[in-house]
Amino acid sequence: MLPFTDEELYPAVEQSLNKVRPMLIKDGGDLKLLEIKSGVVFVQLQGACNGCSASGQTLKFGVERQLKIDIHPQISVVNIPIEQD
């Protein structure tokens, strides 16, 4: 359990995500913060990152790692894929 409410996490999560965003944009992608529930950050990888074979690595070793460094070691991130028609 994290020592913060989900509402308290929003500004810190946004700031942390903005640190990894340039790396994603450089590769033709981006990410969108959807919500935070019980210390789990739900994002949606977009652009070239959506469906990319390396997206799991990007999420774990890029996005989640940055959140753990900036906020708390127990925070985690989950990607909600964009629906494909």
C-alpha atoms as a PDB file:
ATOM      1  CA  MET A   1       0.000   0.000   0.000  1.00  0.00           C
ATOM      2  CA  LEU A   2       1.344   3.404  -0.981  1.00  0.00           C
ATOM      3  CA  PRO A   3       1.435   6.221   1.591  1.00  0.00           C
ATOM      4  CA  PHE A   4      -0.460   8.548  -0.792  1.00  0.00           C
ATOM      5  CA  THR A   5      -4.032   8.798  -2.022  1.00  0.00           C
ATOM      6  CA  ASP A   6      -4.609   8.338  -5.737  1.00  0.00           C
ATOM      7  CA  GLU A   7      -5.534  12.032  -5.956  1.00  0.00           C
ATOM      8  CA  GLU A   8      -2.235  13.026  -4.325  1.00  0.00           C
ATOM      9  CA  LEU A   9      -0.339  10.930  -6.869  1.00  0.00           C
ATOM     10  CA  TYR A  10      -1.691  12.686  -9.995  1.00  0.00           C
ATOM     11  CA  PRO A  11       0.674  15.717 -10.091  1.00  0.00           C
ATOM     12  CA  ALA A  12       3.738  13.608  -9.256  1.00  0.00           C
ATOM     13  CA  VAL A  13       2.804  10.962 -11.837  1.00  0.00           C
ATOM     14  CA  GLU A  14       2.234  13.614 -14.531  1.00  0.00           C
ATOM     15  CA  GLN A  15       5.630  15.156 -13.758  1.00  0.00           C
ATOM     16  CA  SER A  16       7.332  11.753 -13.870  1.00  0.00           C
ATOM     17  CA  LEU A  17       5.615  10.779 -17.140  1.00  0.00           C
ATOM     18  CA  ASN A  18       6.798  14.042 -18.674  1.00  0.00           C
ATOM     19  CA  LYS A  19      10.389  12.886 -18.084  1.00  0.00           C
ATOM     20  CA  VAL A  20       9.943   9.783 -20.291  1.00  0.00           C
ATOM     21  CA  ARG A  21       7.604  11.397 -22.826  1.00  0.00           C
ATOM     22  CA  PRO A  22      10.427  12.916 -24.998  1.00  0.00           C
ATOM     23  CA  MET A  23      11.919   9.436 -25.487  1.00  0.00           C
ATOM     24  CA  LEU A  24       8.543   8.124 -26.677  1.00  0.00           C
ATOM     25  CA  ILE A  25       7.886  11.112 -28.947  1.00  0.00           C
ATOM     26  CA  LYS A  26      11.352  10.713 -30.502  1.00  0.00           C
ATOM     27  CA  ASP A  27      10.281   7.199 -31.570  1.00  0.00           C
ATOM     28  CA  GLY A  28       6.942   8.410 -32.965  1.00  0.00           C
ATOM     29  CA  GLY A  29       4.845   7.551 -29.915  1.00  0.00           C
ATOM     30  CA  ASP A  30       3.434   9.031 -26.747  1.00  0.00           C
ATOM     31  CA  LEU A  31       1.416   8.020 -23.733  1.00  0.00           C
ATOM     32  CA  LYS A  32      -1.738   9.234 -22.059  1.00  0.00           C
ATOM     33  CA  LEU A  33      -2.490   9.011 -18.332  1.00  0.00           C
ATOM     34  CA  LEU A  34      -5.924   7.399 -18.008  1.00  0.00           C
ATOM     35  CA  GLU A  35      -6.323   7.004 -14.244  1.00  0.00           C
ATOM     36  CA  ILE A  36      -4.684   5.985 -10.994  1.00  0.00           C
ATOM     37  CA  LYS A  37      -6.375   3.317  -8.874  1.00  0.00           C
ATOM     38  CA  SER A  38      -4.934   1.989  -5.608  1.00  0.00           C
ATOM     39  CA  GLY A  39      -1.451   3.120  -6.585  1.00  0.00           C
ATOM     40  CA  VAL A  40      -1.598   1.522 -10.036  1.00  0.00           C
ATOM     41  CA  VAL A  41      -1.052   3.964 -12.897  1.00  0.00           C
ATOM     42  CA  PHE A  42      -3.121   3.162 -15.981  1.00  0.00           C
ATOM     43  CA  VAL A  43      -1.732   4.612 -19.208  1.00  0.00           C
ATOM     44  CA  GLN A  44      -2.360   4.185 -22.911  1.00  0.00           C
ATOM     45  CA  LEU A  45       0.637   3.963 -25.215  1.00  0.00           C
ATOM     46  CA  GLN A  46      -0.108   5.912 -28.382  1.00  0.00           C
ATOM     47  CA  GLY A  47       1.231   6.442 -31.873  1.00  0.00           C
ATOM     48  CA  ALA A  48       4.088   4.125 -32.824  1.00  0.00           C
ATOM     49  CA  CYS A  49       4.196   2.798 -29.225  1.00  0.00           C
ATOM     50  CA  ASN A  50       0.716   1.290 -29.526  1.00  0.00           C
ATOM     51  CA  GLY A  51       1.190  -2.351 -30.461  1.00  0.00           C
ATOM     52  CA  CYS A  52       4.984  -2.064 -30.757  1.00  0.00           C
ATOM     53  CA  SER A  53       6.813  -5.272 -29.890  1.00  0.00           C
ATOM     54  CA  ALA A  54       9.043  -3.348 -27.463  1.00  0.00           C
ATOM     55  CA  SER A  55       6.141  -1.632 -25.684  1.00  0.00           C
ATOM     56  CA  GLY A  56       6.305  -4.042 -22.726  1.00  0.00           C
ATOM     57  CA  GLN A  57       9.974  -3.198 -22.204  1.00  0.00           C
ATOM     58  CA  THR A  58       9.244   0.520 -22.604  1.00  0.00           C
ATOM     59  CA  LEU A  59       6.534   0.308 -19.972  1.00  0.00           C
ATOM     60  CA  LYS A  60       8.570  -1.698 -17.444  1.00  0.00           C
ATOM     61  CA  PHE A  61      12.072  -0.267 -17.861  1.00  0.00           C
ATOM     62  CA  GLY A  62      11.174   3.239 -19.028  1.00  0.00           C
ATOM     63  CA  VAL A  63       7.848   4.410 -17.609  1.00  0.00           C
ATOM     64  CA  GLU A  64       7.511   2.231 -14.484  1.00  0.00           C
ATOM     65  CA  ARG A  65      11.188   2.575 -13.579  1.00  0.00           C
ATOM     66  CA  GLN A  66      10.908   6.373 -13.699  1.00  0.00           C
ATOM     67  CA  LEU A  67       7.753   6.311 -11.541  1.00  0.00           C
ATOM     68  CA  LYS A  68       9.490   4.076  -8.980  1.00  0.00           C
ATOM     69  CA  ILE A  69      12.525   6.401  -8.857  1.00  0.00           C
ATOM     70  CA  ASP A  70      10.462   9.598  -8.626  1.00  0.00           C
ATOM     71  CA  ILE A  71       7.559   8.498  -6.433  1.00  0.00           C
ATOM     72  CA  HIS A  72       7.642   5.128  -4.651  1.00  0.00           C
ATOM     73  CA  PRO A  73       9.187   1.667  -5.222  1.00  0.00           C
ATOM     74  CA  GLN A  74       5.786  -0.054  -5.021  1.00  0.00           C
ATOM     75  CA  ILE A  75       4.049   1.972  -7.731  1.00  0.00           C
ATOM     76  CA  SER A  76       3.210   0.053 -10.890  1.00  0.00           C
ATOM     77  CA  VAL A  77       1.978   0.867 -14.356  1.00  0.00           C
ATOM     78  CA  VAL A  78      -0.455  -0.922 -16.674  1.00  0.00           C
ATOM     79  CA  ASN A  79      -1.003  -0.191 -20.354  1.00  0.00           C
ATOM     80  CA  ILE A  80      -4.607  -0.210 -21.606  1.00  0.00           C
ATOM     81  CA  PRO A  81      -4.246  -0.884 -25.346  1.00  0.00           C
ATOM     82  CA  ILE A  82      -6.124   1.252 -27.860  1.00  0.00           C
ATOM     83  CA  GLU A  83      -9.010  -0.729 -29.315  1.00  0.00           C
ATOM     84  CA  GLN A  84      -8.247  -1.862 -32.859  1.00  0.00           C
ATOM     85  CA  ASP A  85     -11.227  -1.977 -35.236  1.00  0.00           C
END
